[in-house]
Amino acid sequence: MDEPATANEMAETWSVLHTTVYFRRHNTMFGVCMLLPCL
């Protein structure tokens, strides 16, 4: 059995989901933020 997710892991997961949903409403910023780490 997998160990229960820690509070920190849960916070990171929700943070990512929230950020993704937020940027999907701001597609230009989403594209920029996705490309910057690749440069």
N, C-alpha and C. Protein backbone atom coordinates (compact mmCIF):
# COMPACT_ATOMS: atom_id res chain seq x y z
N MET A 1 0.84 -1.22 0.00
CA MET A 1 0.00 0.00 0.00
C MET A 1 0.86 1.25 0.00
N ASP A 2 0.40 2.26 -0.73
CA ASP A 2 1.14 3.53 -0.73
C ASP A 2 0.96 4.23 0.61
N GLU A 3 1.99 4.96 0.99
CA GLU A 3 1.88 5.74 2.22
C GLU A 3 0.94 6.92 1.97
N PRO A 4 0.22 7.35 2.99
CA PRO A 4 -0.66 8.51 2.82
C PRO A 4 0.15 9.73 2.41
N ALA A 5 -0.44 10.54 1.55
CA ALA A 5 0.26 11.75 1.10
C ALA A 5 0.45 12.69 2.28
N THR A 6 1.62 13.29 2.36
CA THR A 6 1.88 14.24 3.44
C THR A 6 1.15 15.54 3.16
N ALA A 7 1.01 16.36 4.18
CA ALA A 7 0.32 17.64 4.02
C ALA A 7 1.05 18.49 2.99
N ASN A 8 2.38 18.41 2.99
CA ASN A 8 3.17 19.20 2.04
C ASN A 8 2.90 18.75 0.62
N GLU A 9 2.83 17.44 0.39
CA GLU A 9 2.56 16.93 -0.96
C GLU A 9 1.17 17.35 -1.41
N MET A 10 0.20 17.30 -0.51
CA MET A 10 -1.17 17.71 -0.84
C MET A 10 -1.19 19.18 -1.20
N ALA A 11 -0.47 19.99 -0.44
CA ALA A 11 -0.43 21.43 -0.71
C ALA A 11 0.19 21.70 -2.07
N GLU A 12 1.25 20.98 -2.41
CA GLU A 12 1.90 21.17 -3.71
C GLU A 12 0.96 20.77 -4.84
N THR A 13 0.25 19.65 -4.66
CA THR A 13 -0.68 19.19 -5.69
C THR A 13 -1.77 20.21 -5.93
N TRP A 14 -2.39 20.70 -4.87
CA TRP A 14 -3.46 21.68 -5.02
C TRP A 14 -2.93 22.98 -5.58
N SER A 15 -1.70 23.35 -5.21
CA SER A 15 -1.10 24.58 -5.73
C SER A 15 -0.95 24.48 -7.24
N VAL A 16 -0.48 23.32 -7.71
CA VAL A 16 -0.31 23.10 -9.16
C VAL A 16 -1.66 23.15 -9.86
N LEU A 17 -2.66 22.48 -9.29
CA LEU A 17 -3.99 22.47 -9.90
C LEU A 17 -4.56 23.88 -9.97
N HIS A 18 -4.43 24.63 -8.88
CA HIS A 18 -4.95 25.99 -8.84
C HIS A 18 -4.25 26.86 -9.86
N THR A 19 -2.92 26.72 -9.96
CA THR A 19 -2.16 27.51 -10.92
C THR A 19 -2.56 27.16 -12.35
N THR A 20 -2.74 25.87 -12.62
CA THR A 20 -3.14 25.44 -13.96
C THR A 20 -4.49 26.01 -14.34
N VAL A 21 -5.46 25.91 -13.44
CA VAL A 21 -6.80 26.44 -13.71
C VAL A 21 -6.74 27.95 -13.92
N TYR A 22 -5.94 28.63 -13.09
CA TYR A 22 -5.82 30.09 -13.20
C TYR A 22 -5.25 30.48 -14.56
N PHE A 23 -4.17 29.82 -14.96
CA PHE A 23 -3.52 30.20 -16.22
C PHE A 23 -4.31 29.77 -17.45
N ARG A 24 -5.19 28.78 -17.30
CA ARG A 24 -6.01 28.40 -18.45
C ARG A 24 -6.97 29.54 -18.78
N ARG A 25 -7.21 30.42 -17.83
CA ARG A 25 -8.06 31.59 -18.07
C ARG A 25 -7.23 32.74 -18.62
N HIS A 26 -5.91 32.57 -18.61
CA HIS A 26 -5.00 33.61 -19.10
C HIS A 26 -3.99 32.92 -20.01
N ASN A 27 -4.48 32.49 -21.17
CA ASN A 27 -3.68 31.63 -22.05
C ASN A 27 -2.34 32.24 -22.45
N THR A 28 -2.29 33.55 -22.65
CA THR A 28 -1.02 34.17 -23.02
C THR A 28 0.00 33.98 -21.91
N MET A 29 -0.40 34.27 -20.68
CA MET A 29 0.52 34.11 -19.56
C MET A 29 0.88 32.63 -19.38
N PHE A 30 -0.10 31.75 -19.62
CA PHE A 30 0.15 30.31 -19.49
C PHE A 30 1.24 29.89 -20.46
N GLY A 31 1.15 30.35 -21.71
CA GLY A 31 2.15 30.01 -22.72
C GLY A 31 3.52 30.53 -22.32
N VAL A 32 3.56 31.78 -21.85
CA VAL A 32 4.84 32.38 -21.45
C VAL A 32 5.45 31.59 -20.30
N CYS A 33 4.65 31.28 -19.30
CA CYS A 33 5.16 30.56 -18.12
C CYS A 33 5.60 29.14 -18.47
N MET A 34 4.98 28.55 -19.49
CA MET A 34 5.37 27.20 -19.89
C MET A 34 6.67 27.24 -20.69
N LEU A 35 6.88 28.31 -21.46
CA LEU A 35 8.07 28.38 -22.31
C LEU A 35 9.31 28.85 -21.56
N LEU A 36 9.14 29.77 -20.61
CA LEU A 36 10.29 30.33 -19.91
C LEU A 36 11.22 29.28 -19.30
N PRO A 37 10.70 28.27 -18.60
CA PRO A 37 11.61 27.27 -18.01
C PRO A 37 12.41 26.49 -19.06
N CYS A 38 11.91 26.46 -20.29
CA CYS A 38 12.57 25.69 -21.35
C CYS A 38 13.70 26.47 -22.00
N LEU A 39 13.74 27.78 -21.80
CA LEU A 39 14.75 28.60 -22.48
C LEU A 39 16.12 28.48 -21.83
